[in-house]
Amino acid sequence: MMVDTAPHLNSLAGVVILAGGASKRMGTPKAELTLSTGERLLDYHVRHALELTAADSNAADFNILIMIADNERGFTVDLDLTVSNIQSPIMHITDYTPMKDDKQSDNGGALVAIESALQTLAKLTDTTPNQKSGSSWLLVISCDSLIPATDLWQKLQPVISQAADKKVICLTDDSHLYPLLGLYQLSVEPDLKAYVDSGQRRVMPFIKPLTQALLLTENWQHLTNFNTPEDFQRACAALSDL
């Protein structure tokens, strides 16, 4: 069901879908997992990200860029989603390459993907005349979740005006944060770049001092953080029960 996201979309610059994880325990890339409807998980997230723009009657006046950070795995998006959309460009982005890169893994982690998305939006703001003025947040969604972009945005965006001293707004439960389901202020980019350039990859040490957390909605508990086929089956079952 479409949610009312339009009144506050002027602060949203873009969406990045994190799809580059190794997914070793899952046995297959999470972006390529198939829901009971037959829809691939990556297409599911792209479709809901597109619905953010569809909810705004003034969408033709600006762009909400949808970025796919797949660590150069070459995941495609359903052609029907791309050709039916004109307001929100969809593009693949390459992970940021830190100045200090030890090359120990073929997956640099979530932070280098988020850094790339932030840099992409900064360039877009500088070069695109109709990019929304005042667009200052990036919505981050990981492919280990079935929470739709529309619902996540509706949950997080009311906090923007209340968290003036925070640069990250994300979900939390009783035990830990969900930093890959959240909003990142574009102004965090220089600090994030310096962090990953120093060789750091751990998400929590970077975001904890910057974060305003919101309690995970109860019926979302089983929709996220799936790492095995059994976890994914439970998430699909929870989605069908909503």
C-alpha atoms as a PDB file:
ATOM      1  CA  MET A   1       0.000   0.000   0.000  1.00  0.00           C
ATOM      2  CA  MET A   2       1.317   3.444  -0.905  1.00  0.00           C
ATOM      3  CA  VAL A   3       2.204   5.557   2.101  1.00  0.00           C
ATOM      4  CA  ASP A   4       2.052   9.329   2.288  1.00  0.00           C
ATOM      5  CA  THR A   5       5.676  10.349   1.934  1.00  0.00           C
ATOM      6  CA  ALA A   6       5.237  13.503  -0.144  1.00  0.00           C
ATOM      7  CA  PRO A   7       5.130  16.279   2.476  1.00  0.00           C
ATOM      8  CA  HIS A   8       8.734  15.718   3.572  1.00  0.00           C
ATOM      9  CA  LEU A   9      10.443  14.465   0.410  1.00  0.00           C
ATOM     10  CA  ASN A  10      12.112  17.816  -0.191  1.00  0.00           C
ATOM     11  CA  SER A  11      14.878  16.784   2.224  1.00  0.00           C
ATOM     12  CA  LEU A  12      15.620  13.470   0.472  1.00  0.00           C
ATOM     13  CA  ALA A  13      18.406  13.619  -2.118  1.00  0.00           C
ATOM     14  CA  GLY A  14      18.713   9.948  -2.990  1.00  0.00           C
ATOM     15  CA  VAL A  15      18.445   6.288  -2.101  1.00  0.00           C
ATOM     16  CA  VAL A  16      21.263   3.743  -2.131  1.00  0.00           C
ATOM     17  CA  ILE A  17      20.512   0.013  -2.166  1.00  0.00           C
ATOM     18  CA  LEU A  18      23.411  -1.979  -0.739  1.00  0.00           C
ATOM     19  CA  ALA A  19      23.676  -5.160  -2.798  1.00  0.00           C
ATOM     20  CA  GLY A  20      27.373  -5.999  -2.808  1.00  0.00           C
ATOM     21  CA  GLY A  21      27.726  -8.356   0.130  1.00  0.00           C
ATOM     22  CA  ALA A  22      29.402 -11.748  -0.300  1.00  0.00           C
ATOM     23  CA  SER A  23      26.351 -13.621   1.087  1.00  0.00           C
ATOM     24  CA  LYS A  24      28.441 -16.704   1.908  1.00  0.00           C
ATOM     25  CA  ARG A  25      26.023 -18.139   4.457  1.00  0.00           C
ATOM     26  CA  MET A  26      23.068 -17.532   2.139  1.00  0.00           C
ATOM     27  CA  GLY A  27      24.779 -19.408  -0.671  1.00  0.00           C
ATOM     28  CA  THR A  28      23.564 -16.928  -3.291  1.00  0.00           C
ATOM     29  CA  PRO A  29      23.669 -13.118  -3.570  1.00  0.00           C
ATOM     30  CA  LYS A  30      20.866 -11.635  -1.512  1.00  0.00           C
ATOM     31  CA  ALA A  31      19.999  -9.204  -4.298  1.00  0.00           C
ATOM     32  CA  GLU A  32      19.133 -12.206  -6.484  1.00  0.00           C
ATOM     33  CA  LEU A  33      16.873 -13.919  -3.948  1.00  0.00           C
ATOM     34  CA  THR A  34      13.314 -14.481  -5.163  1.00  0.00           C
ATOM     35  CA  LEU A  35      10.214 -13.597  -3.156  1.00  0.00           C
ATOM     36  CA  SER A  36       7.097 -15.771  -3.165  1.00  0.00           C
ATOM     37  CA  THR A  37       5.617 -13.393  -5.762  1.00  0.00           C
ATOM     38  CA  GLY A  38       8.467 -14.216  -8.146  1.00  0.00           C
ATOM     39  CA  GLU A  39      10.033 -10.777  -7.752  1.00  0.00           C
ATOM     40  CA  ARG A  40      13.775 -10.565  -7.143  1.00  0.00           C
ATOM     41  CA  LEU A  41      14.841  -8.807  -3.968  1.00  0.00           C
ATOM     42  CA  LEU A  42      16.778  -6.078  -5.801  1.00  0.00           C
ATOM     43  CA  ASP A  43      13.759  -5.281  -7.977  1.00  0.00           C
ATOM     44  CA  TYR A  44      11.596  -5.220  -4.842  1.00  0.00           C
ATOM     45  CA  HIS A  45      13.759  -2.517  -3.297  1.00  0.00           C
ATOM     46  CA  VAL A  46      14.037  -0.517  -6.521  1.00  0.00           C
ATOM     47  CA  ARG A  47      10.259  -0.627  -6.992  1.00  0.00           C
ATOM     48  CA  HIS A  48       9.590   0.695  -3.507  1.00  0.00           C
ATOM     49  CA  ALA A  49      12.252   3.380  -3.901  1.00  0.00           C
ATOM     50  CA  LEU A  50      10.495   4.506  -7.080  1.00  0.00           C
ATOM     51  CA  GLU A  51       7.239   4.749  -5.131  1.00  0.00           C
ATOM     52  CA  LEU A  52       8.796   7.505  -3.045  1.00  0.00           C
ATOM     53  CA  THR A  53       8.777   9.755  -6.087  1.00  0.00           C
ATOM     54  CA  ALA A  54       5.393   8.513  -7.237  1.00  0.00           C
ATOM     55  CA  ALA A  55       3.929   9.732  -3.944  1.00  0.00           C
ATOM     56  CA  ASP A  56       4.916  13.332  -4.721  1.00  0.00           C
ATOM     57  CA  SER A  57       2.798  15.297  -7.167  1.00  0.00           C
ATOM     58  CA  ASN A  58       5.707  17.707  -7.715  1.00  0.00           C
ATOM     59  CA  ALA A  59       8.150  14.906  -8.591  1.00  0.00           C
ATOM     60  CA  ALA A  60       8.773  16.243 -12.082  1.00  0.00           C
ATOM     61  CA  ASP A  61      10.469  19.277 -10.553  1.00  0.00           C
ATOM     62  CA  PHE A  62      13.374  17.329  -9.052  1.00  0.00           C
ATOM     63  CA  ASN A  63      15.304  14.086  -9.005  1.00  0.00           C
ATOM     64  CA  ILE A  64      15.545  11.452  -6.315  1.00  0.00           C
ATOM     65  CA  LEU A  65      18.508   9.431  -7.501  1.00  0.00           C
ATOM     66  CA  ILE A  66      18.312   5.675  -6.896  1.00  0.00           C
ATOM     67  CA  MET A  67      21.765   4.121  -6.658  1.00  0.00           C
ATOM     68  CA  ILE A  68      22.625   0.433  -6.664  1.00  0.00           C
ATOM     69  CA  ALA A  69      25.889  -0.369  -4.890  1.00  0.00           C
ATOM     70  CA  ASP A  70      26.569  -3.952  -5.934  1.00  0.00           C
ATOM     71  CA  ASN A  71      30.374  -4.059  -5.661  1.00  0.00           C
ATOM     72  CA  GLU A  72      30.531  -4.345  -9.464  1.00  0.00           C
ATOM     73  CA  ARG A  73      28.646  -7.643  -9.489  1.00  0.00           C
ATOM     74  CA  GLY A  74      26.572  -6.473 -12.430  1.00  0.00           C
ATOM     75  CA  PHE A  75      23.105  -7.106 -11.043  1.00  0.00           C
ATOM     76  CA  THR A  76      20.458  -5.910 -13.471  1.00  0.00           C
ATOM     77  CA  VAL A  77      17.150  -4.188 -12.748  1.00  0.00           C
ATOM     78  CA  ASP A  78      13.861  -5.307 -14.281  1.00  0.00           C
ATOM     79  CA  LEU A  79      13.454  -3.384 -17.533  1.00  0.00           C
ATOM     80  CA  ASP A  80       9.831  -2.559 -16.725  1.00  0.00           C
ATOM     81  CA  LEU A  81      10.997  -0.587 -13.695  1.00  0.00           C
ATOM     82  CA  THR A  82      13.513   1.462 -15.644  1.00  0.00           C
ATOM     83  CA  VAL A  83      11.431   2.303 -18.712  1.00  0.00           C
ATOM     84  CA  SER A  84       8.322   3.253 -16.740  1.00  0.00           C
ATOM     85  CA  ASN A  85      10.211   5.754 -14.618  1.00  0.00           C
ATOM     86  CA  ILE A  86      11.429   9.205 -15.616  1.00  0.00           C
ATOM     87  CA  GLN A  87      11.546  11.170 -12.362  1.00  0.00           C
ATOM     88  CA  SER A  88      14.031   9.049 -10.431  1.00  0.00           C
ATOM     89  CA  PRO A  89      17.126   7.990 -12.370  1.00  0.00           C
ATOM     90  CA  ILE A  90      18.481   4.529 -11.527  1.00  0.00           C
ATOM     91  CA  MET A  91      22.220   4.006 -11.696  1.00  0.00           C
ATOM     92  CA  HIS A  92      24.889   1.585 -10.537  1.00  0.00           C
ATOM     93  CA  ILE A  93      27.737   3.096  -8.549  1.00  0.00           C
ATOM     94  CA  THR A  94      31.232   1.804  -7.900  1.00  0.00           C
ATOM     95  CA  ASP A  95      32.431   1.535  -4.318  1.00  0.00           C
ATOM     96  CA  TYR A  96      34.739   4.322  -3.216  1.00  0.00           C
ATOM     97  CA  THR A  97      38.397   3.249  -3.287  1.00  0.00           C
ATOM     98  CA  PRO A  98      40.076   4.487  -0.110  1.00  0.00           C
ATOM     99  CA  MET A  99      43.497   6.100  -0.298  1.00  0.00           C
ATOM    100  CA  LYS A 100      44.715   3.369   2.057  1.00  0.00           C
ATOM    101  CA  ASP A 101      43.420   0.150   0.511  1.00  0.00           C
ATOM    102  CA  ASP A 102      44.876  -3.085   1.837  1.00  0.00           C
ATOM    103  CA  LYS A 103      43.051  -5.184  -0.819  1.00  0.00           C
ATOM    104  CA  GLN A 104      42.404  -7.913   1.740  1.00  0.00           C
ATOM    105  CA  SER A 105      38.893  -8.541   0.494  1.00  0.00           C
ATOM    106  CA  ASP A 106      36.889  -8.244  -2.696  1.00  0.00           C
ATOM    107  CA  ASN A 107      34.208  -6.534  -0.619  1.00  0.00           C
ATOM    108  CA  GLY A 108      35.200  -3.251   0.946  1.00  0.00           C
ATOM    109  CA  GLY A 109      32.132  -3.202   3.168  1.00  0.00           C
ATOM    110  CA  ALA A 110      29.098  -0.981   3.518  1.00  0.00           C
ATOM    111  CA  LEU A 111      30.906   2.243   4.368  1.00  0.00           C
ATOM    112  CA  VAL A 112      32.770   2.491   1.060  1.00  0.00           C
ATOM    113  CA  ALA A 113      29.455   2.005  -0.756  1.00  0.00           C
ATOM    114  CA  ILE A 114      27.789   4.713   1.336  1.00  0.00           C
ATOM    115  CA  GLU A 115      30.755   7.028   0.767  1.00  0.00           C
ATOM    116  CA  SER A 116      30.410   6.524  -2.987  1.00  0.00           C
ATOM    117  CA  ALA A 117      26.696   7.346  -2.808  1.00  0.00           C
ATOM    118  CA  LEU A 118      27.358  10.509  -0.809  1.00  0.00           C
ATOM    119  CA  GLN A 119      30.009  11.629  -3.294  1.00  0.00           C
ATOM    120  CA  THR A 120      27.661  10.916  -6.205  1.00  0.00           C
ATOM    121  CA  LEU A 121      24.937  13.072  -4.658  1.00  0.00           C
ATOM    122  CA  ALA A 122      27.403  15.885  -3.944  1.00  0.00           C
ATOM    123  CA  LYS A 123      28.428  15.930  -7.603  1.00  0.00           C
ATOM    124  CA  LEU A 124      24.801  15.829  -8.709  1.00  0.00           C
ATOM    125  CA  THR A 125      23.956  18.807  -6.519  1.00  0.00           C
ATOM    126  CA  ASP A 126      26.809  20.775  -8.078  1.00  0.00           C
ATOM    127  CA  THR A 127      25.986  19.941 -11.701  1.00  0.00           C
ATOM    128  CA  THR A 128      22.203  19.484 -11.944  1.00  0.00           C
ATOM    129  CA  PRO A 129      20.168  22.715 -12.007  1.00  0.00           C
ATOM    130  CA  ASN A 130      16.870  21.066 -11.066  1.00  0.00           C
ATOM    131  CA  GLN A 131      18.290  19.082  -8.176  1.00  0.00           C
ATOM    132  CA  LYS A 132      16.213  19.962  -5.131  1.00  0.00           C
ATOM    133  CA  SER A 133      17.587  22.768  -3.020  1.00  0.00           C
ATOM    134  CA  GLY A 134      17.879  21.714   0.592  1.00  0.00           C
ATOM    135  CA  SER A 135      18.086  18.002  -0.232  1.00  0.00           C
ATOM    136  CA  SER A 136      20.358  16.894   2.545  1.00  0.00           C
ATOM    137  CA  TRP A 137      19.742  13.207   3.315  1.00  0.00           C
ATOM    138  CA  LEU A 138      20.577   9.842   1.783  1.00  0.00           C
ATOM    139  CA  LEU A 139      18.314   6.862   2.496  1.00  0.00           C
ATOM    140  CA  VAL A 140      20.334   3.652   2.920  1.00  0.00           C
ATOM    141  CA  ILE A 141      18.692   0.249   2.448  1.00  0.00           C
ATOM    142  CA  SER A 142      20.492  -3.081   2.625  1.00  0.00           C
ATOM    143  CA  CYS A 143      19.581  -6.268   0.766  1.00  0.00           C
ATOM    144  CA  ASP A 144      19.265  -8.233   3.996  1.00  0.00           C
ATOM    145  CA  SER A 145      15.902  -6.614   4.658  1.00  0.00           C
ATOM    146  CA  LEU A 146      12.359  -6.662   3.305  1.00  0.00           C
ATOM    147  CA  ILE A 147      11.364  -3.326   4.840  1.00  0.00           C
ATOM    148  CA  PRO A 148      10.148  -1.174   1.910  1.00  0.00           C
ATOM    149  CA  ALA A 149      11.846   2.157   1.239  1.00  0.00           C
ATOM    150  CA  THR A 150       8.507   3.935   1.536  1.00  0.00           C
ATOM    151  CA  ASP A 151       7.853   2.539   5.013  1.00  0.00           C
ATOM    152  CA  LEU A 152      11.413   3.128   6.178  1.00  0.00           C
ATOM    153  CA  TRP A 153      11.308   6.747   5.016  1.00  0.00           C
ATOM    154  CA  GLN A 154       7.963   7.320   6.722  1.00  0.00           C
ATOM    155  CA  LYS A 155       9.403   5.907   9.963  1.00  0.00           C
ATOM    156  CA  LEU A 156      12.645   7.885   9.942  1.00  0.00           C
ATOM    157  CA  GLN A 157      11.836  11.241   8.374  1.00  0.00           C
ATOM    158  CA  PRO A 158       9.880  12.777  11.315  1.00  0.00           C
ATOM    159  CA  VAL A 159      13.118  12.695  13.329  1.00  0.00           C
ATOM    160  CA  ILE A 160      14.999  14.913  10.867  1.00  0.00           C
ATOM    161  CA  SER A 161      13.720  18.103  12.460  1.00  0.00           C
ATOM    162  CA  GLN A 162      14.377  16.744  15.972  1.00  0.00           C
ATOM    163  CA  ALA A 163      17.948  15.535  15.467  1.00  0.00           C
ATOM    164  CA  ALA A 164      19.748  18.718  14.494  1.00  0.00           C
ATOM    165  CA  ASP A 165      23.046  17.567  16.019  1.00  0.00           C
ATOM    166  CA  LYS A 166      22.909  14.049  14.536  1.00  0.00           C
ATOM    167  CA  LYS A 167      24.086  13.010  11.088  1.00  0.00           C
ATOM    168  CA  VAL A 168      22.705   9.458  11.042  1.00  0.00           C
ATOM    169  CA  ILE A 169      19.140   8.340  11.825  1.00  0.00           C
ATOM    170  CA  CYS A 170      18.608   4.586  11.896  1.00  0.00           C
ATOM    171  CA  LEU A 171      16.617   1.764  13.406  1.00  0.00           C
ATOM    172  CA  THR A 172      17.500  -0.081  16.581  1.00  0.00           C
ATOM    173  CA  ASP A 173      16.192  -2.963  18.656  1.00  0.00           C
ATOM    174  CA  ASP A 174      16.876  -3.956  22.245  1.00  0.00           C
ATOM    175  CA  SER A 175      20.431  -5.062  21.516  1.00  0.00           C
ATOM    176  CA  HIS A 176      21.930  -3.289  18.503  1.00  0.00           C
ATOM    177  CA  LEU A 177      21.646  -0.633  15.818  1.00  0.00           C
ATOM    178  CA  TYR A 178      20.660  -1.195  12.202  1.00  0.00           C
ATOM    179  CA  PRO A 179      22.969   1.337  10.513  1.00  0.00           C
ATOM    180  CA  LEU A 180      22.247  -0.023   7.031  1.00  0.00           C
ATOM    181  CA  LEU A 181      18.584   0.881   7.383  1.00  0.00           C
ATOM    182  CA  GLY A 182      18.817   4.581   7.914  1.00  0.00           C
ATOM    183  CA  LEU A 183      19.306   8.161   6.807  1.00  0.00           C
ATOM    184  CA  TYR A 184      22.745   9.731   6.380  1.00  0.00           C
ATOM    185  CA  GLN A 185      23.147  13.489   6.205  1.00  0.00           C
ATOM    186  CA  LEU A 186      25.154  14.507   3.147  1.00  0.00           C
ATOM    187  CA  SER A 187      27.411  16.644   5.347  1.00  0.00           C
ATOM    188  CA  VAL A 188      28.845  13.473   6.946  1.00  0.00           C
ATOM    189  CA  GLU A 189      30.756  12.713   3.727  1.00  0.00           C
ATOM    190  CA  PRO A 190      34.122  14.345   4.580  1.00  0.00           C
ATOM    191  CA  ASP A 191      34.257  12.611   7.960  1.00  0.00           C
ATOM    192  CA  LEU A 192      33.328   9.259   6.441  1.00  0.00           C
ATOM    193  CA  LYS A 193      35.930   9.667   3.704  1.00  0.00           C
ATOM    194  CA  ALA A 194      38.630  10.401   6.278  1.00  0.00           C
ATOM    195  CA  TYR A 195      37.555   7.360   8.294  1.00  0.00           C
ATOM    196  CA  VAL A 196      37.736   4.879   5.422  1.00  0.00           C
ATOM    197  CA  ASP A 197      40.898   6.519   4.041  1.00  0.00           C
ATOM    198  CA  SER A 198      42.540   5.723   7.371  1.00  0.00           C
ATOM    199  CA  GLY A 199      41.912   2.025   6.704  1.00  0.00           C
ATOM    200  CA  GLN A 200      38.821   1.649   8.873  1.00  0.00           C
ATOM    201  CA  ARG A 201      35.841  -0.446   7.740  1.00  0.00           C
ATOM    202  CA  ARG A 202      33.852  -1.111  10.916  1.00  0.00           C
ATOM    203  CA  VAL A 203      30.487   0.595  10.783  1.00  0.00           C
ATOM    204  CA  MET A 204      29.603   0.892  14.471  1.00  0.00           C
ATOM    205  CA  PRO A 205      32.614   2.891  15.731  1.00  0.00           C
ATOM    206  CA  PHE A 206      31.957   5.487  13.055  1.00  0.00           C
ATOM    207  CA  ILE A 207      28.216   5.936  13.369  1.00  0.00           C
ATOM    208  CA  LYS A 208      27.561   5.540  17.105  1.00  0.00           C
ATOM    209  CA  PRO A 209      28.534   9.091  18.118  1.00  0.00           C
ATOM    210  CA  LEU A 210      26.540  10.496  15.184  1.00  0.00           C
ATOM    211  CA  THR A 211      23.335   8.501  15.497  1.00  0.00           C
ATOM    212  CA  GLN A 212      19.771   9.133  16.559  1.00  0.00           C
ATOM    213  CA  ALA A 213      18.095   5.717  16.807  1.00  0.00           C
ATOM    214  CA  LEU A 214      14.427   4.769  16.524  1.00  0.00           C
ATOM    215  CA  LEU A 215      13.029   1.561  17.913  1.00  0.00           C
ATOM    216  CA  LEU A 216      12.338  -1.069  15.279  1.00  0.00           C
ATOM    217  CA  THR A 217       8.626  -1.554  14.685  1.00  0.00           C
ATOM    218  CA  GLU A 218       7.525  -4.865  16.212  1.00  0.00           C
ATOM    219  CA  ASN A 219       6.183  -6.324  12.981  1.00  0.00           C
ATOM    220  CA  TRP A 220       9.524  -5.564  11.304  1.00  0.00           C
ATOM    221  CA  GLN A 221      11.523  -7.764  13.680  1.00  0.00           C
ATOM    222  CA  HIS A 222      11.675 -10.715  11.299  1.00  0.00           C
ATOM    223  CA  LEU A 223      11.922  -8.708   8.077  1.00  0.00           C
ATOM    224  CA  THR A 224      15.592  -7.897   8.352  1.00  0.00           C
ATOM    225  CA  ASN A 225      19.074  -9.188   9.126  1.00  0.00           C
ATOM    226  CA  PHE A 226      18.622 -12.468   7.255  1.00  0.00           C
ATOM    227  CA  ASN A 227      21.839 -14.343   6.478  1.00  0.00           C
ATOM    228  CA  THR A 228      20.774 -17.922   5.767  1.00  0.00           C
ATOM    229  CA  PRO A 229      18.067 -19.499   3.570  1.00  0.00           C
ATOM    230  CA  GLU A 230      16.104 -20.296   6.733  1.00  0.00           C
ATOM    231  CA  ASP A 231      16.295 -16.650   7.838  1.00  0.00           C
ATOM    232  CA  PHE A 232      15.034 -15.548   4.421  1.00  0.00           C
ATOM    233  CA  GLN A 233      12.122 -17.984   4.550  1.00  0.00           C
ATOM    234  CA  ARG A 234      11.100 -16.562   7.923  1.00  0.00           C
ATOM    235  CA  ALA A 235      11.361 -13.026   6.568  1.00  0.00           C
ATOM    236  CA  CYS A 236       9.164 -13.918   3.588  1.00  0.00           C
ATOM    237  CA  ALA A 237       6.611 -15.479   5.907  1.00  0.00           C
ATOM    238  CA  ALA A 238       6.615 -12.364   8.097  1.00  0.00           C
ATOM    239  CA  LEU A 239       6.138 -10.175   5.017  1.00  0.00           C
ATOM    240  CA  SER A 240       3.126 -12.179   3.898  1.00  0.00           C
ATOM    241  CA  ASP A 241       1.597 -11.790   7.359  1.00  0.00           C
ATOM    242  CA  LEU A 242       1.673  -7.974   7.257  1.00  0.00           C
END
